[in-house]
Amino acid sequence: AALPEPHRPAAELTGRRILVDASRWMAGPSAGGELAALQDAVFADRRLRLRYRHAGAPRPRTYTVDPYGLVSKAGVWYLVADRGGTPRLFRADRIGSATLTEAPVRRRPGVELAEVWALLKAQVEERPGGIEVTARVRRDRYDLFLRLNGTALAHPPEEGDGTGEWITVRMAYEFLGATKTLLPFADAVEVLSPPEVRAELARAAAAVTALYAADQPGGNGPAPR
């Protein structure tokens, strides 16, 4: 409805021929339901007011942004926009609310979506201080592993001759605690390096073991609630 009348038939035809399901298998409900509002703002050339929750932040923050467009990378949608004339990347499933304003978008003259995306992508990939992890994944769990952790891959996997039990992967995480997302795979994923990640996962696994051991014969009973 936000599109000018001459553009609506093409958009409606596209909607009937192309379907994008951005949710992952078994991921449950999406954390953000504002993708339609983001699309409206992109095509109507309007400014957006966002409530956005940064990773690790205790509460969301409010921003007014000038969108360039939307990018889907490895099944995750991102809004590419300027905030105060500076390019920013907003992960769609962290947007709590998105409201179109009446103000027209204020993009930098001559700057296009592909150019801004290339800049932001380079900033993410070259960000210092990240943790590179080498791990091996059991081949029979590899497809599920990719669906749930593919966005963390830093390099193409080393599959060897295609017949071995394990596939070696290299991944990148922003901080140590983020590597705990590997724990649900139990013994189907083993971190080979660095040692601090192995120690972090060992501590987390030991804590879970201690929690449930309390319910076993000879334990101290369930933890108080």
N, C-alpha and C. Protein backbone atom coordinates (compact mmCIF):
# COMPACT_ATOMS: atom_id res chain seq x y z
N ALA A 1 0.82 -1.21 0.00
CA ALA A 1 0.00 0.00 0.00
C ALA A 1 0.85 1.26 0.00
N ALA A 2 2.07 1.15 0.51
CA ALA A 2 2.95 2.32 0.57
C ALA A 2 3.56 2.65 -0.79
N LEU A 3 3.50 1.72 -1.74
CA LEU A 3 4.12 1.93 -3.04
C LEU A 3 3.25 2.82 -3.92
N PRO A 4 3.87 3.65 -4.78
CA PRO A 4 3.09 4.38 -5.77
C PRO A 4 2.35 3.40 -6.69
N GLU A 5 1.20 3.81 -7.19
CA GLU A 5 0.33 2.94 -7.99
C GLU A 5 1.05 2.28 -9.17
N PRO A 6 1.91 3.00 -9.93
CA PRO A 6 2.54 2.35 -11.10
C PRO A 6 3.44 1.18 -10.73
N HIS A 7 3.96 1.14 -9.50
CA HIS A 7 4.90 0.09 -9.10
C HIS A 7 4.21 -1.12 -8.47
N ARG A 8 2.93 -1.01 -8.16
CA ARG A 8 2.28 -2.08 -7.41
C ARG A 8 2.15 -3.38 -8.19
N PRO A 9 1.77 -3.37 -9.49
CA PRO A 9 1.64 -4.65 -10.20
C PRO A 9 2.93 -5.47 -10.20
N ALA A 10 4.08 -4.81 -10.42
CA ALA A 10 5.36 -5.54 -10.42
C ALA A 10 5.65 -6.11 -9.04
N ALA A 11 5.37 -5.33 -7.99
CA ALA A 11 5.63 -5.81 -6.64
C ALA A 11 4.73 -6.98 -6.28
N GLU A 12 3.44 -6.91 -6.71
CA GLU A 12 2.52 -8.00 -6.43
C GLU A 12 2.93 -9.27 -7.16
N LEU A 13 3.39 -9.13 -8.41
CA LEU A 13 3.85 -10.29 -9.16
C LEU A 13 5.07 -10.92 -8.49
N THR A 14 6.00 -10.08 -8.03
CA THR A 14 7.17 -10.58 -7.32
C THR A 14 6.76 -11.36 -6.08
N GLY A 15 5.78 -10.84 -5.36
CA GLY A 15 5.32 -11.50 -4.15
C GLY A 15 4.70 -12.86 -4.41
N ARG A 16 4.11 -13.04 -5.62
CA ARG A 16 3.52 -14.33 -5.95
C ARG A 16 4.54 -15.33 -6.46
N ARG A 17 5.69 -14.86 -6.91
CA ARG A 17 6.68 -15.73 -7.52
C ARG A 17 7.88 -16.01 -6.63
N ILE A 18 8.12 -15.17 -5.64
CA ILE A 18 9.29 -15.33 -4.76
C ILE A 18 8.83 -15.31 -3.32
N LEU A 19 9.21 -16.32 -2.58
CA LEU A 19 8.88 -16.41 -1.16
C LEU A 19 10.17 -16.55 -0.37
N VAL A 20 10.35 -15.69 0.62
CA VAL A 20 11.52 -15.76 1.48
C VAL A 20 11.06 -16.09 2.89
N ASP A 21 11.48 -17.24 3.40
CA ASP A 21 11.19 -17.63 4.78
C ASP A 21 12.48 -17.47 5.55
N ALA A 22 12.59 -16.38 6.33
CA ALA A 22 13.85 -16.05 7.00
C ALA A 22 14.06 -16.82 8.30
N SER A 23 13.03 -17.55 8.76
CA SER A 23 13.19 -18.27 10.03
C SER A 23 13.95 -19.57 9.80
N ARG A 24 14.70 -19.97 10.84
CA ARG A 24 15.46 -21.21 10.74
C ARG A 24 14.61 -22.38 11.24
N TRP A 25 14.97 -23.58 10.79
CA TRP A 25 14.27 -24.77 11.26
C TRP A 25 14.41 -24.88 12.78
N MET A 26 13.29 -25.19 13.43
CA MET A 26 13.26 -25.45 14.88
C MET A 26 13.77 -24.27 15.69
N ALA A 27 13.70 -23.07 15.14
CA ALA A 27 14.19 -21.91 15.87
C ALA A 27 13.11 -21.27 16.72
N GLY A 28 11.85 -21.72 16.55
CA GLY A 28 10.76 -21.13 17.30
C GLY A 28 10.38 -19.79 16.69
N PRO A 29 9.50 -19.02 17.35
CA PRO A 29 9.06 -17.75 16.82
C PRO A 29 10.23 -16.78 16.66
N SER A 30 10.15 -15.96 15.61
CA SER A 30 11.20 -14.97 15.38
C SER A 30 11.20 -13.94 16.49
N ALA A 31 12.42 -13.46 16.86
CA ALA A 31 12.53 -12.45 17.90
C ALA A 31 12.03 -11.10 17.43
N GLY A 32 11.94 -10.89 16.13
CA GLY A 32 11.47 -9.62 15.61
C GLY A 32 10.41 -9.84 14.55
N GLY A 33 9.30 -9.09 14.63
CA GLY A 33 8.25 -9.25 13.65
C GLY A 33 8.05 -8.00 12.83
N GLU A 34 9.10 -7.23 12.61
CA GLU A 34 8.99 -5.93 11.99
C GLU A 34 9.49 -5.89 10.56
N LEU A 35 9.71 -7.04 9.95
CA LEU A 35 10.29 -7.05 8.61
C LEU A 35 9.40 -6.33 7.61
N ALA A 36 8.08 -6.47 7.74
CA ALA A 36 7.17 -5.80 6.81
C ALA A 36 7.30 -4.29 6.90
N ALA A 37 7.44 -3.77 8.12
CA ALA A 37 7.61 -2.33 8.29
C ALA A 37 8.93 -1.85 7.69
N LEU A 38 9.95 -2.67 7.82
CA LEU A 38 11.24 -2.31 7.22
C LEU A 38 11.12 -2.27 5.70
N GLN A 39 10.42 -3.24 5.13
CA GLN A 39 10.22 -3.25 3.68
C GLN A 39 9.44 -2.02 3.23
N ASP A 40 8.41 -1.66 3.98
CA ASP A 40 7.63 -0.47 3.64
C ASP A 40 8.51 0.77 3.61
N ALA A 41 9.36 0.92 4.61
CA ALA A 41 10.21 2.10 4.69
C ALA A 41 11.21 2.15 3.54
N VAL A 42 11.74 0.98 3.18
CA VAL A 42 12.74 0.92 2.10
C VAL A 42 12.12 1.34 0.77
N PHE A 43 10.91 0.84 0.48
CA PHE A 43 10.29 1.13 -0.81
C PHE A 43 9.59 2.49 -0.84
N ALA A 44 9.15 2.98 0.31
CA ALA A 44 8.47 4.27 0.35
C ALA A 44 9.44 5.42 0.59
N ASP A 45 10.73 5.12 0.80
CA ASP A 45 11.74 6.15 1.03
C ASP A 45 11.37 7.05 2.22
N ARG A 46 11.08 6.40 3.34
CA ARG A 46 10.73 7.14 4.56
C ARG A 46 11.72 6.81 5.67
N ARG A 47 11.90 7.75 6.56
CA ARG A 47 12.74 7.53 7.73
C ARG A 47 12.05 6.54 8.68
N LEU A 48 12.87 5.86 9.50
CA LEU A 48 12.36 4.85 10.43
C LEU A 48 12.75 5.20 11.86
N ARG A 49 11.84 4.90 12.77
CA ARG A 49 12.17 4.98 14.20
C ARG A 49 12.20 3.56 14.74
N LEU A 50 13.35 3.16 15.28
CA LEU A 50 13.57 1.78 15.71
C LEU A 50 13.73 1.69 17.22
N ARG A 51 13.21 0.60 17.77
CA ARG A 51 13.60 0.17 19.12
C ARG A 51 14.49 -1.04 18.91
N TYR A 52 15.77 -0.92 19.27
CA TYR A 52 16.75 -1.94 18.88
C TYR A 52 17.51 -2.42 20.10
N ARG A 53 17.65 -3.76 20.19
CA ARG A 53 18.37 -4.36 21.31
C ARG A 53 19.72 -4.86 20.81
N HIS A 54 20.78 -4.23 21.28
CA HIS A 54 22.13 -4.68 20.93
C HIS A 54 22.46 -5.96 21.68
N ALA A 55 23.32 -6.79 21.10
CA ALA A 55 23.72 -8.04 21.74
C ALA A 55 24.35 -7.75 23.10
N GLY A 56 23.83 -8.41 24.13
CA GLY A 56 24.38 -8.24 25.47
C GLY A 56 23.87 -7.03 26.21
N ALA A 57 23.10 -6.16 25.56
CA ALA A 57 22.60 -4.94 26.22
C ALA A 57 21.40 -5.29 27.09
N PRO A 58 21.27 -4.65 28.27
CA PRO A 58 20.16 -4.99 29.17
C PRO A 58 18.80 -4.50 28.68
N ARG A 59 18.77 -3.46 27.85
CA ARG A 59 17.49 -2.93 27.38
C ARG A 59 17.67 -2.33 25.98
N PRO A 60 16.60 -2.25 25.21
CA PRO A 60 16.69 -1.70 23.85
C PRO A 60 16.89 -0.19 23.86
N ARG A 61 17.36 0.33 22.74
CA ARG A 61 17.54 1.76 22.56
C ARG A 61 16.73 2.23 21.36
N THR A 62 16.46 3.53 21.30
CA THR A 62 15.65 4.10 20.22
C THR A 62 16.53 4.90 19.26
N TYR A 63 16.36 4.63 17.97
CA TYR A 63 17.13 5.33 16.94
C TYR A 63 16.19 5.78 15.82
N THR A 64 16.54 6.91 15.19
CA THR A 64 15.90 7.32 13.96
C THR A 64 16.93 7.17 12.85
N VAL A 65 16.57 6.39 11.81
CA VAL A 65 17.55 6.02 10.80
C VAL A 65 17.01 6.29 9.40
N ASP A 66 17.95 6.35 8.45
CA ASP A 66 17.63 6.54 7.04
C ASP A 66 18.01 5.26 6.30
N PRO A 67 17.03 4.43 5.94
CA PRO A 67 17.34 3.12 5.36
C PRO A 67 17.80 3.20 3.91
N TYR A 68 18.79 2.35 3.58
CA TYR A 68 19.19 2.13 2.20
C TYR A 68 18.51 0.90 1.62
N GLY A 69 18.34 -0.14 2.46
CA GLY A 69 17.72 -1.35 1.98
C GLY A 69 17.91 -2.49 2.96
N LEU A 70 17.48 -3.66 2.53
CA LEU A 70 17.55 -4.88 3.34
C LEU A 70 18.49 -5.87 2.67
N VAL A 71 19.23 -6.60 3.49
CA VAL A 71 20.16 -7.62 3.00
C VAL A 71 19.88 -8.91 3.77
N SER A 72 19.78 -10.02 3.04
CA SER A 72 19.67 -11.33 3.67
C SER A 72 21.01 -12.03 3.52
N LYS A 73 21.65 -12.31 4.65
CA LYS A 73 22.94 -12.99 4.64
C LYS A 73 22.83 -14.27 5.46
N ALA A 74 23.05 -15.40 4.81
CA ALA A 74 22.99 -16.71 5.48
C ALA A 74 21.68 -16.90 6.24
N GLY A 75 20.58 -16.42 5.64
CA GLY A 75 19.27 -16.62 6.24
C GLY A 75 18.91 -15.60 7.30
N VAL A 76 19.75 -14.61 7.55
CA VAL A 76 19.49 -13.57 8.55
C VAL A 76 19.30 -12.25 7.82
N TRP A 77 18.22 -11.53 8.14
CA TRP A 77 17.93 -10.24 7.52
C TRP A 77 18.59 -9.11 8.29
N TYR A 78 19.14 -8.15 7.55
CA TYR A 78 19.75 -6.96 8.14
C TYR A 78 19.19 -5.72 7.46
N LEU A 79 18.98 -4.69 8.26
CA LEU A 79 18.64 -3.37 7.73
C LEU A 79 19.93 -2.56 7.62
N VAL A 80 20.19 -2.03 6.43
CA VAL A 80 21.35 -1.16 6.20
C VAL A 80 20.83 0.26 6.18
N ALA A 81 21.35 1.10 7.05
CA ALA A 81 20.81 2.45 7.19
C ALA A 81 21.89 3.41 7.68
N ASP A 82 21.65 4.69 7.50
CA ASP A 82 22.48 5.74 8.09
C ASP A 82 21.83 6.19 9.39
N ARG A 83 22.65 6.40 10.40
CA ARG A 83 22.18 7.05 11.63
C ARG A 83 23.07 8.26 11.85
N GLY A 84 22.49 9.45 11.73
CA GLY A 84 23.28 10.66 11.83
C GLY A 84 24.33 10.77 10.73
N GLY A 85 24.01 10.23 9.56
CA GLY A 85 24.95 10.31 8.43
C GLY A 85 26.03 9.26 8.44
N THR A 86 26.01 8.34 9.43
CA THR A 86 27.02 7.28 9.54
C THR A 86 26.38 5.93 9.26
N PRO A 87 26.98 5.10 8.40
CA PRO A 87 26.36 3.81 8.07
C PRO A 87 26.31 2.87 9.27
N ARG A 88 25.18 2.19 9.41
CA ARG A 88 24.98 1.26 10.52
C ARG A 88 24.26 0.02 10.00
N LEU A 89 24.47 -1.09 10.74
CA LEU A 89 23.85 -2.37 10.41
C LEU A 89 22.96 -2.77 11.57
N PHE A 90 21.69 -3.10 11.28
CA PHE A 90 20.73 -3.50 12.30
C PHE A 90 20.18 -4.88 11.96
N ARG A 91 20.40 -5.81 12.85
CA ARG A 91 19.88 -7.17 12.64
C ARG A 91 18.39 -7.17 12.87
N ALA A 92 17.61 -7.66 11.89
CA ALA A 92 16.16 -7.52 11.92
C ALA A 92 15.53 -8.20 13.13
N ASP A 93 16.06 -9.36 13.55
CA ASP A 93 15.43 -10.06 14.67
C ASP A 93 15.77 -9.45 16.02
N ARG A 94 16.52 -8.36 16.04
CA ARG A 94 16.76 -7.63 17.28
C ARG A 94 15.96 -6.32 17.33
N ILE A 95 15.17 -6.08 16.30
CA ILE A 95 14.35 -4.87 16.26
C ILE A 95 13.02 -5.15 16.96
N GLY A 96 12.80 -4.47 18.07
CA GLY A 96 11.57 -4.68 18.82
C GLY A 96 10.38 -4.00 18.18
N SER A 97 10.59 -2.83 17.59
CA SER A 97 9.52 -2.13 16.88
C SER A 97 10.15 -1.25 15.81
N ALA A 98 9.41 -1.06 14.72
CA ALA A 98 9.85 -0.20 13.62
C ALA A 98 8.67 0.62 13.17
N THR A 99 8.79 1.94 13.21
CA THR A 99 7.69 2.84 12.88
C THR A 99 8.11 3.78 11.77
N LEU A 100 7.33 3.81 10.69
CA LEU A 100 7.60 4.75 9.63
C LEU A 100 7.24 6.15 10.09
N THR A 101 8.11 7.10 9.84
CA THR A 101 7.81 8.50 10.13
C THR A 101 7.26 9.15 8.87
N GLU A 102 6.81 10.38 9.00
CA GLU A 102 6.33 11.14 7.84
C GLU A 102 7.48 11.79 7.08
N ALA A 103 8.67 11.78 7.67
CA ALA A 103 9.81 12.46 7.05
C ALA A 103 10.40 11.62 5.93
N PRO A 104 10.78 12.24 4.81
CA PRO A 104 11.43 11.49 3.74
C PRO A 104 12.83 11.05 4.15
N VAL A 105 13.30 9.97 3.55
CA VAL A 105 14.63 9.46 3.86
C VAL A 105 15.69 10.48 3.46
N ARG A 106 16.80 10.51 4.19
CA ARG A 106 17.89 11.45 3.92
C ARG A 106 19.18 10.66 3.69
N ARG A 107 19.27 10.04 2.53
CA ARG A 107 20.46 9.28 2.20
C ARG A 107 21.56 10.22 1.71
N ARG A 108 22.80 9.76 1.87
CA ARG A 108 23.92 10.54 1.34
C ARG A 108 23.89 10.50 -0.19
N PRO A 109 24.06 11.64 -0.84
CA PRO A 109 23.93 11.70 -2.30
C PRO A 109 24.89 10.74 -3.00
N GLY A 110 24.35 10.01 -3.98
CA GLY A 110 25.17 9.14 -4.80
C GLY A 110 25.57 7.82 -4.16
N VAL A 111 25.14 7.56 -2.93
CA VAL A 111 25.51 6.34 -2.21
C VAL A 111 24.40 5.31 -2.37
N GLU A 112 24.77 4.09 -2.76
CA GLU A 112 23.80 3.02 -2.99
C GLU A 112 23.97 1.90 -1.95
N LEU A 113 22.94 1.05 -1.88
CA LEU A 113 22.91 -0.04 -0.90
C LEU A 113 24.14 -0.93 -1.00
N ALA A 114 24.52 -1.36 -2.21
CA ALA A 114 25.63 -2.30 -2.36
C ALA A 114 26.93 -1.71 -1.80
N GLU A 115 27.13 -0.42 -1.99
CA GLU A 115 28.34 0.23 -1.50
C GLU A 115 28.37 0.26 0.03
N VAL A 116 27.24 0.61 0.63
CA VAL A 116 27.18 0.67 2.10
C VAL A 116 27.33 -0.72 2.69
N TRP A 117 26.67 -1.71 2.09
CA TRP A 117 26.77 -3.09 2.59
C TRP A 117 28.21 -3.58 2.53
N ALA A 118 28.92 -3.31 1.43
CA ALA A 118 30.31 -3.76 1.30
C ALA A 118 31.17 -3.16 2.41
N LEU A 119 30.94 -1.89 2.73
CA LEU A 119 31.70 -1.24 3.79
C LEU A 119 31.40 -1.87 5.15
N LEU A 120 30.12 -2.05 5.47
CA LEU A 120 29.74 -2.60 6.77
C LEU A 120 30.18 -4.06 6.90
N LYS A 121 30.07 -4.82 5.83
CA LYS A 121 30.51 -6.21 5.85
C LYS A 121 32.00 -6.31 6.14
N ALA A 122 32.79 -5.45 5.51
CA ALA A 122 34.23 -5.44 5.75
C ALA A 122 34.54 -5.09 7.20
N GLN A 123 33.79 -4.15 7.76
CA GLN A 123 34.02 -3.77 9.16
C GLN A 123 33.76 -4.93 10.10
N VAL A 124 32.70 -5.69 9.83
CA VAL A 124 32.38 -6.85 10.68
C VAL A 124 33.44 -7.93 10.55
N GLU A 125 33.83 -8.23 9.30
CA GLU A 125 34.77 -9.33 9.07
C GLU A 125 36.17 -9.00 9.54
N GLU A 126 36.52 -7.71 9.59
CA GLU A 126 37.87 -7.31 10.00
C GLU A 126 37.91 -6.81 11.43
N ARG A 127 36.80 -6.96 12.15
CA ARG A 127 36.74 -6.45 13.52
C ARG A 127 37.78 -7.13 14.39
N PRO A 128 38.63 -6.35 15.09
CA PRO A 128 39.65 -6.94 15.95
C PRO A 128 39.04 -7.47 17.25
N GLY A 129 39.79 -8.33 17.90
CA GLY A 129 39.39 -8.80 19.22
C GLY A 129 38.47 -10.00 19.22
N GLY A 130 38.14 -10.53 18.04
CA GLY A 130 37.29 -11.70 17.98
C GLY A 130 38.06 -12.96 18.34
N ILE A 131 37.33 -14.04 18.53
CA ILE A 131 37.93 -15.32 18.89
C ILE A 131 37.75 -16.28 17.73
N GLU A 132 38.83 -16.80 17.20
CA GLU A 132 38.76 -17.81 16.14
C GLU A 132 38.83 -19.20 16.77
N VAL A 133 37.89 -20.04 16.39
CA VAL A 133 37.75 -21.36 16.98
C VAL A 133 37.87 -22.42 15.88
N THR A 134 38.69 -23.42 16.14
CA THR A 134 38.76 -24.59 15.26
C THR A 134 38.07 -25.74 15.97
N ALA A 135 37.13 -26.37 15.28
CA ALA A 135 36.38 -27.47 15.89
C ALA A 135 36.18 -28.57 14.86
N ARG A 136 35.79 -29.73 15.34
CA ARG A 136 35.43 -30.81 14.43
C ARG A 136 34.00 -31.24 14.74
N VAL A 137 33.26 -31.57 13.68
CA VAL A 137 31.85 -31.89 13.78
C VAL A 137 31.62 -33.28 13.19
N ARG A 138 30.86 -34.10 13.88
CA ARG A 138 30.54 -35.42 13.34
C ARG A 138 29.74 -35.25 12.04
N ARG A 139 30.11 -36.01 11.04
CA ARG A 139 29.52 -35.85 9.71
C ARG A 139 28.00 -36.03 9.72
N ASP A 140 27.50 -36.95 10.56
CA ASP A 140 26.06 -37.19 10.55
C ASP A 140 25.27 -36.08 11.23
N ARG A 141 25.94 -35.13 11.89
CA ARG A 141 25.27 -33.98 12.49
C ARG A 141 25.63 -32.68 11.78
N TYR A 142 26.40 -32.78 10.70
CA TYR A 142 26.97 -31.60 10.08
C TYR A 142 25.89 -30.69 9.46
N ASP A 143 24.89 -31.28 8.79
CA ASP A 143 23.85 -30.45 8.17
C ASP A 143 23.10 -29.63 9.21
N LEU A 144 22.72 -30.27 10.32
CA LEU A 144 22.04 -29.54 11.39
C LEU A 144 22.97 -28.49 11.99
N PHE A 145 24.24 -28.83 12.14
CA PHE A 145 25.21 -27.88 12.68
C PHE A 145 25.27 -26.62 11.82
N LEU A 146 25.30 -26.80 10.51
CA LEU A 146 25.36 -25.65 9.60
C LEU A 146 24.11 -24.79 9.71
N ARG A 147 22.94 -25.42 9.81
CA ARG A 147 21.70 -24.65 9.90
C ARG A 147 21.68 -23.78 11.15
N LEU A 148 22.24 -24.27 12.23
CA LEU A 148 22.18 -23.54 13.50
C LEU A 148 23.38 -22.64 13.75
N ASN A 149 24.52 -22.95 13.12
CA ASN A 149 25.74 -22.20 13.42
C ASN A 149 26.46 -21.68 12.18
N GLY A 150 25.81 -21.77 11.03
CA GLY A 150 26.48 -21.40 9.79
C GLY A 150 26.95 -19.96 9.74
N THR A 151 26.24 -19.04 10.41
CA THR A 151 26.63 -17.64 10.37
C THR A 151 27.95 -17.38 11.09
N ALA A 152 28.40 -18.32 11.92
CA ALA A 152 29.65 -18.12 12.64
C ALA A 152 30.86 -18.67 11.87
N LEU A 153 30.63 -19.34 10.74
CA LEU A 153 31.75 -19.90 9.98
C LEU A 153 32.65 -18.79 9.47
N ALA A 154 33.95 -18.93 9.71
CA ALA A 154 34.92 -17.94 9.24
C ALA A 154 35.59 -18.37 7.94
N HIS A 155 35.63 -19.68 7.66
CA HIS A 155 36.26 -20.21 6.46
C HIS A 155 35.45 -21.41 5.98
N PRO A 156 35.56 -21.76 4.71
CA PRO A 156 34.89 -22.97 4.24
C PRO A 156 35.36 -24.19 5.02
N PRO A 157 34.48 -25.16 5.26
CA PRO A 157 34.86 -26.35 6.05
C PRO A 157 35.87 -27.20 5.32
N GLU A 158 36.66 -27.96 6.10
CA GLU A 158 37.62 -28.90 5.55
C GLU A 158 37.02 -30.30 5.64
N GLU A 159 36.48 -30.78 4.52
CA GLU A 159 35.76 -32.05 4.54
C GLU A 159 36.65 -33.25 4.22
N GLY A 160 37.91 -33.02 3.89
CA GLY A 160 38.82 -34.11 3.62
C GLY A 160 38.38 -34.90 2.40
N ASP A 161 38.46 -36.23 2.49
CA ASP A 161 38.10 -37.06 1.35
C ASP A 161 36.61 -37.39 1.32
N GLY A 162 35.86 -36.82 2.25
CA GLY A 162 34.41 -37.02 2.25
C GLY A 162 33.96 -38.31 2.89
N THR A 163 34.87 -39.10 3.45
CA THR A 163 34.50 -40.39 4.03
C THR A 163 34.78 -40.46 5.53
N GLY A 164 35.51 -39.53 6.07
CA GLY A 164 35.86 -39.58 7.49
C GLY A 164 34.67 -39.28 8.38
N GLU A 165 34.82 -39.59 9.66
CA GLU A 165 33.73 -39.39 10.62
C GLU A 165 33.57 -37.92 10.96
N TRP A 166 34.66 -37.12 10.86
CA TRP A 166 34.65 -35.73 11.32
C TRP A 166 34.88 -34.76 10.17
N ILE A 167 34.30 -33.57 10.32
CA ILE A 167 34.55 -32.45 9.41
C ILE A 167 35.10 -31.30 10.25
N THR A 168 36.21 -30.73 9.82
CA THR A 168 36.84 -29.63 10.56
C THR A 168 36.27 -28.30 10.10
N VAL A 169 35.90 -27.45 11.06
CA VAL A 169 35.35 -26.13 10.76
C VAL A 169 36.13 -25.08 11.53
N ARG A 170 36.17 -23.88 10.96
CA ARG A 170 36.77 -22.73 11.63
C ARG A 170 35.71 -21.65 11.77
N MET A 171 35.57 -21.17 13.00
CA MET A 171 34.48 -20.25 13.31
C MET A 171 35.03 -19.01 14.00
N ALA A 172 34.23 -17.95 14.02
CA ALA A 172 34.64 -16.70 14.66
C ALA A 172 33.52 -16.23 15.59
N TYR A 173 33.90 -15.85 16.81
CA TYR A 173 32.96 -15.36 17.81
C TYR A 173 33.46 -14.03 18.37
N GLU A 174 32.51 -13.16 18.73
CA GLU A 174 32.89 -11.84 19.22
C GLU A 174 33.45 -11.90 20.63
N PHE A 175 32.97 -12.84 21.45
CA PHE A 175 33.44 -12.92 22.83
C PHE A 175 33.36 -14.37 23.29
N LEU A 176 34.05 -14.68 24.37
CA LEU A 176 34.22 -16.05 24.83
C LEU A 176 32.89 -16.73 25.14
N GLY A 177 32.00 -16.03 25.83
CA GLY A 177 30.74 -16.64 26.23
C GLY A 177 29.88 -17.08 25.06
N ALA A 178 30.06 -16.46 23.89
CA ALA A 178 29.25 -16.81 22.72
C ALA A 178 29.53 -18.22 22.23
N THR A 179 30.66 -18.78 22.58
CA THR A 179 31.00 -20.14 22.13
C THR A 179 30.14 -21.20 22.80
N LYS A 180 29.38 -20.84 23.82
CA LYS A 180 28.51 -21.81 24.50
C LYS A 180 27.38 -22.30 23.59
N THR A 181 27.17 -21.61 22.47
CA THR A 181 26.16 -22.10 21.52
C THR A 181 26.54 -23.44 20.94
N LEU A 182 27.79 -23.90 21.15
CA LEU A 182 28.21 -25.21 20.67
C LEU A 182 27.81 -26.34 21.61
N LEU A 183 27.46 -26.02 22.83
CA LEU A 183 27.17 -27.04 23.84
C LEU A 183 25.98 -27.95 23.49
N PRO A 184 24.91 -27.46 22.87
CA PRO A 184 23.79 -28.36 22.58
C PRO A 184 24.16 -29.57 21.72
N PHE A 185 25.31 -29.51 21.03
CA PHE A 185 25.70 -30.65 20.19
C PHE A 185 26.46 -31.71 20.97
N ALA A 186 26.69 -31.47 22.26
CA ALA A 186 27.33 -32.46 23.14
C ALA A 186 28.60 -33.02 22.50
N ASP A 187 28.72 -34.36 22.40
CA ASP A 187 29.95 -34.95 21.88
C ASP A 187 29.99 -35.02 20.36
N ALA A 188 29.00 -34.39 19.69
CA ALA A 188 29.03 -34.34 18.23
C ALA A 188 29.89 -33.20 17.71
N VAL A 189 30.31 -32.31 18.60
CA VAL A 189 31.20 -31.19 18.24
C VAL A 189 32.30 -31.12 19.29
N GLU A 190 33.54 -31.10 18.85
CA GLU A 190 34.68 -30.94 19.76
C GLU A 190 35.51 -29.74 19.32
N VAL A 191 35.71 -28.80 20.23
CA VAL A 191 36.60 -27.67 19.97
C VAL A 191 38.04 -28.15 20.09
N LEU A 192 38.83 -27.87 19.08
CA LEU A 192 40.24 -28.26 19.08
C LEU A 192 41.13 -27.14 19.60
N SER A 193 40.78 -25.91 19.31
CA SER A 193 41.54 -24.75 19.77
C SER A 193 40.65 -23.52 19.66
N PRO A 194 40.94 -22.49 20.46
CA PRO A 194 42.05 -22.32 21.40
C PRO A 194 41.73 -22.94 22.76
N PRO A 195 42.74 -23.09 23.63
CA PRO A 195 42.52 -23.75 24.93
C PRO A 195 41.49 -23.04 25.80
N GLU A 196 41.42 -21.70 25.73
CA GLU A 196 40.48 -21.00 26.60
C GLU A 196 39.03 -21.31 26.25
N VAL A 197 38.75 -21.63 24.99
CA VAL A 197 37.39 -22.00 24.63
C VAL A 197 37.07 -23.41 25.13
N ARG A 198 38.04 -24.32 25.01
CA ARG A 198 37.83 -25.67 25.56
C ARG A 198 37.54 -25.59 27.07
N ALA A 199 38.31 -24.73 27.77
CA ALA A 199 38.11 -24.59 29.21
C ALA A 199 36.75 -23.98 29.53
N GLU A 200 36.31 -23.01 28.73
CA GLU A 200 35.01 -22.37 28.96
C GLU A 200 33.87 -23.39 28.78
N LEU A 201 33.95 -24.21 27.74
CA LEU A 201 32.91 -25.20 27.52
C LEU A 201 32.95 -26.30 28.58
N ALA A 202 34.15 -26.65 29.03
CA ALA A 202 34.27 -27.66 30.09
C ALA A 202 33.63 -27.16 31.38
N ARG A 203 33.85 -25.88 31.71
CA ARG A 203 33.24 -25.32 32.92
C ARG A 203 31.72 -25.32 32.81
N ALA A 204 31.21 -24.92 31.64
CA ALA A 204 29.75 -24.88 31.46
C ALA A 204 29.15 -26.29 31.53
N ALA A 205 29.82 -27.26 30.91
CA ALA A 205 29.32 -28.63 30.94
C ALA A 205 29.35 -29.20 32.36
N ALA A 206 30.40 -28.87 33.10
CA ALA A 206 30.51 -29.35 34.48
C ALA A 206 29.40 -28.77 35.35
N ALA A 207 29.06 -27.51 35.10
CA ALA A 207 27.99 -26.88 35.88
C ALA A 207 26.66 -27.56 35.61
N VAL A 208 26.39 -27.92 34.35
CA VAL A 208 25.15 -28.62 34.01
C VAL A 208 25.14 -30.01 34.65
N THR A 209 26.27 -30.69 34.59
CA THR A 209 26.36 -32.02 35.19
C THR A 209 26.09 -31.96 36.69
N ALA A 210 26.68 -30.97 37.36
CA ALA A 210 26.48 -30.83 38.80
C ALA A 210 25.02 -30.54 39.14
N LEU A 211 24.37 -29.74 38.29
CA LEU A 211 22.97 -29.39 38.53
C LEU A 211 22.09 -30.63 38.52
N TYR A 212 22.27 -31.49 37.51
CA TYR A 212 21.40 -32.66 37.39
C TYR A 212 21.87 -33.82 38.27
N ALA A 213 23.13 -33.84 38.65
CA ALA A 213 23.60 -34.89 39.55
C ALA A 213 22.93 -34.82 40.90
N ALA A 214 22.46 -33.64 41.28
CA ALA A 214 21.79 -33.48 42.57
C ALA A 214 20.52 -34.31 42.66
N ASP A 215 19.93 -34.67 41.52
CA ASP A 215 18.70 -35.46 41.52
C ASP A 215 18.96 -36.95 41.53
N GLN A 216 20.22 -37.36 41.44
CA GLN A 216 20.56 -38.78 41.39
C GLN A 216 20.72 -39.35 42.80
N PRO A 217 20.60 -40.67 42.94
CA PRO A 217 20.80 -41.28 44.27
C PRO A 217 22.17 -40.91 44.84
N GLY A 218 22.15 -40.48 46.08
CA GLY A 218 23.39 -40.06 46.71
C GLY A 218 23.68 -38.59 46.54
N GLY A 219 22.85 -37.90 45.75
CA GLY A 219 23.04 -36.47 45.55
C GLY A 219 22.46 -35.69 46.70
N ASN A 220 22.49 -34.39 46.57
CA ASN A 220 22.00 -33.50 47.64
C ASN A 220 20.57 -33.06 47.42
N GLY A 221 19.89 -33.69 46.46
CA GLY A 221 18.52 -33.28 46.20
C GLY A 221 18.48 -32.12 45.23
N PRO A 222 17.31 -31.79 44.71
CA PRO A 222 17.18 -30.70 43.74
C PRO A 222 17.55 -29.36 44.35
N ALA A 223 18.10 -28.52 43.50
CA ALA A 223 18.47 -27.18 43.97
C ALA A 223 17.24 -26.40 44.36
N PRO A 224 17.32 -25.54 45.39
CA PRO A 224 16.16 -24.74 45.80
C PRO A 224 15.75 -23.80 44.70
N ARG A 225 14.45 -23.53 44.59
CA ARG A 225 13.92 -22.63 43.56
C ARG A 225 13.51 -21.31 44.20
